[in-house]
C-alpha atoms as a PDB file:
ATOM      1  CA  MET A   1      75.196-229.015 -55.946  1.00  0.00           C
ATOM      2  CA  LYS A   2      76.795-232.267 -55.079  1.00  0.00           C
ATOM      3  CA  SER A   3      76.509-233.447 -51.529  1.00  0.00           C
ATOM      4  CA  LYS A   4      79.730-233.707 -49.604  1.00  0.00           C
ATOM      5  CA  ILE A   5      80.620-235.292 -46.285  1.00  0.00           C
ATOM      6  CA  ILE A   6      83.876-235.108 -44.438  1.00  0.00           C
ATOM      7  CA  VAL A   7      86.146-238.164 -44.561  1.00  0.00           C
ATOM      8  CA  LEU A   8      89.796-238.546 -43.675  1.00  0.00           C
ATOM      9  CA  SER A   9      90.853-239.248 -47.231  1.00  0.00           C
ATOM     10  CA  VAL A  10      89.618-235.819 -48.323  1.00  0.00           C
ATOM     11  CA  LEU A  11      90.456-233.597 -45.368  1.00  0.00           C
ATOM     12  CA  ILE A  12      91.299-230.679 -47.531  1.00  0.00           C
ATOM     13  CA  ALA A  13      87.831-230.844 -49.039  1.00  0.00           C
ATOM     14  CA  LEU A  14      86.761-228.828 -46.029  1.00  0.00           C
ATOM     15  CA  ILE A  15      87.778-225.839 -48.087  1.00  0.00           C
ATOM     16  CA  SER A  16      84.349-226.104 -49.701  1.00  0.00           C
ATOM     17  CA  GLY A  17      81.463-223.893 -48.795  1.00  0.00           C
ATOM     18  CA  ILE A  18      78.628-221.778 -50.032  1.00  0.00           C
ATOM     19  CA  GLY A  19      80.325-218.462 -50.556  1.00  0.00           C
ATOM     20  CA  PHE A  20      77.397-216.055 -50.406  1.00  0.00           C
ATOM     21  CA  ALA A  21      77.373-214.024 -47.221  1.00  0.00           C
ATOM     22  CA  TYR A  22      74.724-212.083 -45.448  1.00  0.00           C
ATOM     23  CA  ALA A  23      76.352-209.048 -46.979  1.00  0.00           C
ATOM     24  CA  GLU A  24      77.734-208.843 -50.512  1.00  0.00           C
ATOM     25  CA  SER A  25      79.175-212.105 -51.844  1.00  0.00           C
ATOM     26  CA  LYS A  26      81.636-210.644 -54.319  1.00  0.00           C
ATOM     27  CA  THR A  27      84.577-208.392 -53.646  1.00  0.00           C
ATOM     28  CA  SER A  28      85.945-205.526 -55.704  1.00  0.00           C
ATOM     29  CA  THR A  29      89.460-206.588 -54.734  1.00  0.00           C
ATOM     30  CA  LYS A  30      91.462-207.598 -57.781  1.00  0.00           C
ATOM     31  CA  LEU A  31      92.728-211.130 -57.296  1.00  0.00           C
ATOM     32  CA  SER A  32      95.157-213.143 -59.367  1.00  0.00           C
ATOM     33  CA  PRO A  33      93.460-215.698 -61.660  1.00  0.00           C
ATOM     34  CA  LYS A  34      94.137-218.813 -59.567  1.00  0.00           C
ATOM     35  CA  VAL A  35      93.094-217.234 -56.280  1.00  0.00           C
ATOM     36  CA  GLN A  36      89.943-215.848 -57.839  1.00  0.00           C
ATOM     37  CA  GLN A  37      89.160-219.246 -59.326  1.00  0.00           C
ATOM     38  CA  LEU A  38      89.666-220.904 -55.950  1.00  0.00           C
ATOM     39  CA  ILE A  39      87.225-218.475 -54.356  1.00  0.00           C
ATOM     40  CA  ASP A  40      84.776-219.150 -57.183  1.00  0.00           C
ATOM     41  CA  PHE A  41      85.074-222.904 -56.637  1.00  0.00           C
ATOM     42  CA  SER A  42      84.348-222.363 -52.967  1.00  0.00           C
ATOM     43  CA  GLU A  43      81.252-220.308 -53.741  1.00  0.00           C
ATOM     44  CA  LYS A  44      79.974-223.146 -55.913  1.00  0.00           C
ATOM     45  CA  ASN A  45      80.782-225.779 -53.282  1.00  0.00           C
ATOM     46  CA  GLU A  46      83.186-227.499 -55.670  1.00  0.00           C
ATOM     47  CA  ALA A  47      85.444-228.927 -52.993  1.00  0.00           C
ATOM     48  CA  SER A  48      87.679-231.207 -55.044  1.00  0.00           C
ATOM     49  CA  GLU A  49      88.447-228.499 -57.569  1.00  0.00           C
ATOM     50  CA  ALA A  50      89.242-226.002 -54.813  1.00  0.00           C
ATOM     51  CA  ALA A  51      91.508-228.481 -53.015  1.00  0.00           C
ATOM     52  CA  ASN A  52      93.420-229.327 -56.181  1.00  0.00           C
ATOM     53  CA  LEU A  53      93.904-225.664 -57.012  1.00  0.00           C
ATOM     54  CA  LEU A  54      95.027-224.824 -53.491  1.00  0.00           C
ATOM     55  CA  ALA A  55      97.822-227.364 -53.814  1.00  0.00           C
ATOM     56  CA  GLN A  56      98.991-225.617 -56.986  1.00  0.00           C
ATOM     57  CA  LEU A  57      99.237-222.099 -55.558  1.00  0.00           C
ATOM     58  CA  SER A  58     102.627-220.434 -55.439  1.00  0.00           C
ATOM     59  CA  THR A  59     103.935-218.791 -52.284  1.00  0.00           C
ATOM     60  CA  LYS A  60     102.885-215.411 -53.631  1.00  0.00           C
ATOM     61  CA  GLU A  61      99.390-216.688 -54.373  1.00  0.00           C
ATOM     62  CA  LYS A  62      99.077-218.251 -50.928  1.00  0.00           C
ATOM     63  CA  ASP A  63     100.101-214.924 -49.411  1.00  0.00           C
ATOM     64  CA  GLU A  64      97.362-213.311 -51.464  1.00  0.00           C
ATOM     65  CA  LEU A  65      94.821-215.895 -50.361  1.00  0.00           C
ATOM     66  CA  ALA A  66      95.769-215.443 -46.707  1.00  0.00           C
ATOM     67  CA  LYS A  67      95.355-211.680 -47.019  1.00  0.00           C
ATOM     68  CA  TYR A  68      92.003-212.142 -48.732  1.00  0.00           C
ATOM     69  CA  ILE A  69      90.776-214.416 -45.941  1.00  0.00           C
ATOM     70  CA  GLU A  70      91.964-212.004 -43.274  1.00  0.00           C
ATOM     71  CA  PHE A  71      90.115-209.031 -44.724  1.00  0.00           C
ATOM     72  CA  ASN A  72      87.124-210.828 -46.244  1.00  0.00           C
ATOM     73  CA  SER A  73      86.173-213.267 -43.508  1.00  0.00           C
ATOM     74  CA  GLU A  74      82.480-212.794 -44.282  1.00  0.00           C
ATOM     75  CA  LYS A  75      82.976-214.207 -47.779  1.00  0.00           C
ATOM     76  CA  VAL A  76      84.661-217.538 -47.044  1.00  0.00           C
ATOM     77  CA  PRO A  77      83.825-220.502 -44.793  1.00  0.00           C
ATOM     78  CA  PRO A  78      85.595-220.032 -41.442  1.00  0.00           C
ATOM     79  CA  VAL A  79      87.390-223.346 -41.889  1.00  0.00           C
ATOM     80  CA  TYR A  80      89.681-221.460 -44.288  1.00  0.00           C
ATOM     81  CA  PHE A  81      91.358-219.992 -41.213  1.00  0.00           C
ATOM     82  CA  ILE A  82      92.192-223.522 -40.070  1.00  0.00           C
ATOM     83  CA  ILE A  83      93.314-224.699 -43.492  1.00  0.00           C
ATOM     84  CA  MET A  84      95.718-221.763 -43.838  1.00  0.00           C
ATOM     85  CA  ALA A  85      96.995-221.845 -40.250  1.00  0.00           C
ATOM     86  CA  ASP A  86     100.027-224.022 -40.989  1.00  0.00           C
ATOM     87  CA  TYR A  87     100.987-221.710 -43.851  1.00  0.00           C
ATOM     88  CA  ILE A  88     100.775-218.696 -41.535  1.00  0.00           C
ATOM     89  CA  TYR A  89     102.776-220.696 -38.985  1.00  0.00           C
ATOM     90  CA  LYS A  90     105.891-220.400 -41.159  1.00  0.00           C
ATOM     91  CA  SER A  91     106.135-216.685 -40.465  1.00  0.00           C
ATOM     92  CA  ASN A  92     104.061-216.148 -37.309  1.00  0.00           C
ATOM     93  CA  LYS A  93     103.355-219.032 -34.944  1.00  0.00           C
ATOM     94  CA  ASP A  94     101.104-217.061 -32.602  1.00  0.00           C
ATOM     95  CA  LYS A  95      99.021-215.678 -35.451  1.00  0.00           C
ATOM     96  CA  ALA A  96      98.630-219.208 -36.797  1.00  0.00           C
ATOM     97  CA  ALA A  97      97.353-220.329 -33.384  1.00  0.00           C
ATOM     98  CA  LEU A  98      94.871-217.460 -33.379  1.00  0.00           C
ATOM     99  CA  TRP A  99      93.674-218.327 -36.882  1.00  0.00           C
ATOM    100  CA  TYR A 100      93.100-221.905 -35.817  1.00  0.00           C
ATOM    101  CA  TYR A 101      90.933-220.880 -32.885  1.00  0.00           C
ATOM    102  CA  ILE A 102      89.042-218.294 -34.938  1.00  0.00           C
ATOM    103  CA  GLY A 103      88.210-220.976 -37.477  1.00  0.00           C
ATOM    104  CA  LYS A 104      87.364-223.520 -34.807  1.00  0.00           C
ATOM    105  CA  PHE A 105      85.036-221.279 -32.802  1.00  0.00           C
ATOM    106  CA  ARG A 106      83.094-219.930 -35.748  1.00  0.00           C
ATOM    107  CA  SER A 107      82.908-223.277 -37.545  1.00  0.00           C
ATOM    108  CA  TYR A 108      81.517-224.794 -34.348  1.00  0.00           C
ATOM    109  CA  GLN A 109      78.778-222.162 -34.355  1.00  0.00           C
ATOM    110  CA  ASP A 110      77.965-222.910 -37.988  1.00  0.00           C
ATOM    111  CA  THR A 111      77.678-226.666 -37.443  1.00  0.00           C
ATOM    112  CA  LEU A 112      75.192-226.045 -34.634  1.00  0.00           C
ATOM    113  CA  MET A 113      73.047-224.069 -37.065  1.00  0.00           C
ATOM    114  CA  CYS A 114      72.530-227.169 -39.229  1.00  0.00           C
ATOM    115  CA  LYS A 115      69.502-229.397 -38.749  1.00  0.00           C
ATOM    116  CA  ASP A 116      71.654-232.478 -39.300  1.00  0.00           C
ATOM    117  CA  LYS A 117      73.731-232.858 -36.135  1.00  0.00           C
ATOM    118  CA  THR A 118      76.125-235.289 -37.814  1.00  0.00           C
ATOM    119  CA  THR A 119      77.761-232.214 -39.352  1.00  0.00           C
ATOM    120  CA  GLN A 120      79.447-231.676 -35.992  1.00  0.00           C
ATOM    121  CA  SER A 121      81.686-234.687 -36.610  1.00  0.00           C
ATOM    122  CA  GLN A 122      83.855-232.489 -38.823  1.00  0.00           C
ATOM    123  CA  LEU A 123      85.113-230.710 -35.692  1.00  0.00           C
ATOM    124  CA  GLU A 124      87.086-233.839 -34.779  1.00  0.00           C
ATOM    125  CA  VAL A 125      89.069-233.588 -38.006  1.00  0.00           C
ATOM    126  CA  TYR A 126      90.091-229.942 -37.766  1.00  0.00           C
ATOM    127  CA  PRO A 127      93.294-230.645 -35.778  1.00  0.00           C
ATOM    128  CA  MET A 128      94.511-232.756 -38.701  1.00  0.00           C
ATOM    129  CA  LEU A 129      94.241-229.750 -40.999  1.00  0.00           C
ATOM    130  CA  ALA A 130      96.822-227.765 -39.018  1.00  0.00           C
ATOM    131  CA  PRO A 131      99.181-230.247 -37.309  1.00  0.00           C
ATOM    132  CA  LYS A 132     102.145-227.878 -36.991  1.00  0.00           C
ATOM    133  CA  THR A 133     100.026-225.175 -35.440  1.00  0.00           C
ATOM    134  CA  LEU A 134      98.397-227.569 -32.985  1.00  0.00           C
ATOM    135  CA  LYS A 135     101.783-229.016 -32.030  1.00  0.00           C
ATOM    136  CA  TYR A 136     102.922-225.480 -31.210  1.00  0.00           C
ATOM    137  CA  VAL A 137      99.807-224.823 -29.135  1.00  0.00           C
ATOM    138  CA  ALA A 138     100.469-228.090 -27.293  1.00  0.00           C
ATOM    139  CA  THR A 139     103.838-226.713 -26.157  1.00  0.00           C
ATOM    140  CA  LYS A 140     101.933-223.843 -24.549  1.00  0.00           C
ATOM    141  CA  VAL A 141      99.327-225.936 -22.777  1.00  0.00           C
ATOM    142  CA  ASN A 142     100.925-225.394 -19.362  1.00  0.00           C
ATOM    143  CA  ASP A 143     101.115-221.663 -19.969  1.00  0.00           C
ATOM    144  CA  LYS A 144      97.597-220.902 -18.794  1.00  0.00           C
ATOM    145  CA  LYS A 145      97.950-217.178 -19.394  1.00  0.00           C
ATOM    146  CA  TYR A 146      98.922-217.756 -23.021  1.00  0.00           C
ATOM    147  CA  ILE A 147      96.007-220.133 -23.702  1.00  0.00           C
ATOM    148  CA  ALA A 148      93.519-217.846 -21.947  1.00  0.00           C
ATOM    149  CA  ASN A 149      94.731-214.847 -23.957  1.00  0.00           C
ATOM    150  CA  LEU A 150      94.637-216.844 -27.175  1.00  0.00           C
ATOM    151  CA  MET A 151      91.053-217.917 -26.609  1.00  0.00           C
ATOM    152  CA  GLN A 152      90.064-214.395 -25.552  1.00  0.00           C
ATOM    153  CA  LYS A 153      91.536-212.924 -28.730  1.00  0.00           C
ATOM    154  CA  ALA A 154      89.618-215.448 -30.843  1.00  0.00           C
ATOM    155  CA  LEU A 155      86.437-214.650 -28.935  1.00  0.00           C
ATOM    156  CA  ASP A 156      87.009-210.902 -29.352  1.00  0.00           C
ATOM    157  CA  TRP A 157      87.530-211.432 -33.073  1.00  0.00           C
ATOM    158  CA  ASP A 158      84.279-213.374 -33.342  1.00  0.00           C
ATOM    159  CA  VAL A 159      82.329-210.588 -31.642  1.00  0.00           C
ATOM    160  CA  ALA A 160      84.059-207.879 -33.700  1.00  0.00           C
ATOM    161  CA  HIS A 161      83.184-209.556 -37.026  1.00  0.00           C
ATOM    162  CA  PRO A 162      79.393-209.934 -37.066  1.00  0.00           C
ATOM    163  CA  ASN A 163      79.162-210.258 -40.861  1.00  0.00           C
ATOM    164  CA  ARG A 164      79.622-213.885 -41.802  1.00  0.00           C
ATOM    165  CA  VAL A 165      79.249-216.382 -44.607  1.00  0.00           C
ATOM    166  CA  ASN A 166      76.014-218.339 -44.770  1.00  0.00           C
ATOM    167  CA  PRO A 167      76.458-221.250 -42.297  1.00  0.00           C
ATOM    168  CA  VAL A 168      74.923-223.740 -44.721  1.00  0.00           C
ATOM    169  CA  TRP A 169      78.460-224.549 -45.924  1.00  0.00           C
ATOM    170  CA  ALA A 170      78.902-226.637 -42.757  1.00  0.00           C
ATOM    171  CA  CYS A 171      75.727-228.604 -43.423  1.00  0.00           C
ATOM    172  CA  TYR A 172      77.223-230.157 -46.567  1.00  0.00           C
ATOM    173  CA  HIS A 173      79.427-232.287 -44.307  1.00  0.00           C
ATOM    174  CA  GLY A 174      76.578-234.190 -42.716  1.00  0.00           C
ATOM    175  CA  ILE A 175      75.142-237.602 -43.541  1.00  0.00           C
ATOM    176  CA  SER A 176      71.842-236.183 -44.763  1.00  0.00           C
ATOM    177  CA  ALA A 177      73.674-234.277 -47.518  1.00  0.00           C
ATOM    178  CA  PHE A 178      73.956-237.571 -49.414  1.00  0.00           C
ATOM    179  CA  VAL A 179      70.234-237.821 -49.932  1.00  0.00           C
ATOM    180  CA  SER A 180      68.841-234.307 -49.670  1.00  0.00           C
ATOM    181  CA  LYS A 181      69.730-230.658 -49.755  1.00  0.00           C
ATOM    182  CA  PRO A 182      71.225-229.606 -46.402  1.00  0.00           C
ATOM    183  CA  GLU A 183      68.982-227.502 -44.214  1.00  0.00           C
ATOM    184  CA  LEU A 184      69.575-224.885 -41.564  1.00  0.00           C
ATOM    185  CA  LEU A 185      67.693-224.274 -38.361  1.00  0.00           C
ATOM    186  CA  PRO A 186      65.440-221.174 -38.304  1.00  0.00           C
ATOM    187  CA  GLN A 187      67.532-218.006 -38.366  1.00  0.00           C
ATOM    188  CA  LYS A 188      65.884-216.801 -35.164  1.00  0.00           C
ATOM    189  CA  GLU A 189      67.920-219.463 -33.334  1.00  0.00           C
ATOM    190  CA  TYR A 190      71.297-218.225 -34.550  1.00  0.00           C
ATOM    191  CA  THR A 191      71.837-215.625 -31.845  1.00  0.00           C
ATOM    192  CA  ASN A 192      71.216-218.165 -29.101  1.00  0.00           C
ATOM    193  CA  ILE A 193      73.641-220.576 -30.765  1.00  0.00           C
ATOM    194  CA  GLN A 194      76.333-217.917 -31.023  1.00  0.00           C
ATOM    195  CA  ASN A 195      75.846-216.959 -27.385  1.00  0.00           C
ATOM    196  CA  LYS A 196      75.944-220.627 -26.332  1.00  0.00           C
ATOM    197  CA  VAL A 197      79.331-221.136 -27.976  1.00  0.00           C
ATOM    198  CA  ARG A 198      80.680-217.843 -26.689  1.00  0.00           C
ATOM    199  CA  ASN A 199      79.619-218.695 -23.142  1.00  0.00           C
ATOM    200  CA  GLU A 200      81.355-222.062 -23.418  1.00  0.00           C
ATOM    201  CA  ILE A 201      84.512-220.265 -24.526  1.00  0.00           C
ATOM    202  CA  LYS A 202      84.243-217.809 -21.631  1.00  0.00           C
ATOM    203  CA  GLU A 203      83.946-220.705 -19.195  1.00  0.00           C
ATOM    204  CA  SER A 204      87.087-222.284 -20.631  1.00  0.00           C
ATOM    205  CA  ILE A 205      88.950-218.978 -20.405  1.00  0.00           C
ATOM    206  CA  ASN A 206      87.943-218.599 -16.761  1.00  0.00           C
ATOM    207  CA  LYS A 207      89.202-222.099 -15.978  1.00  0.00           C
ATOM    208  CA  TYR A 208      92.616-221.228 -17.426  1.00  0.00           C
ATOM    209  CA  LYS A 209      92.688-218.057 -15.352  1.00  0.00           C
ATOM    210  CA  GLN A 210      92.081-219.907 -12.092  1.00  0.00           C
END
């Protein structure tokens, strides 16, 4: 696999990832050729190919991809939720906001599972992947109840979906990926990392409720 690192000129390359999950990596769902190929590219960490194909998808194919992501979250990198948020925004602004936070929270967890801490720099770029959605959320920033509920829903989703893609996808966006195969921390640390992020989210929710 080729090493990848996140840079502004290839934002959409975040669609890459190692597609095998802790459960089954393939789905029996029949997908159209382009959508299936995009998923295959993602599983092989072929970011450029996936990004190019995503740009070619028709509205119908994007609808199919969005549905696939929604019901197969354990088979795609969580950043897909962020990448597709602005597409969802066209029909459902609040759902788009939720997708952004789902992707953000779980991607944050995954970056913390990487040995190379430079992988966390990708978090700073996520807002650029869904500008319309984030602009909408910004209009709600003074509505503390809305933001608290939004974050709570994303947190509830995270807890309700324990099956997840292997977090190593996030490690391919660190500096060390240029010279060596990305590595994860010991799996025994994952639960503590998940709880750390969830507790941070709970603290933020409580602040909005004050």
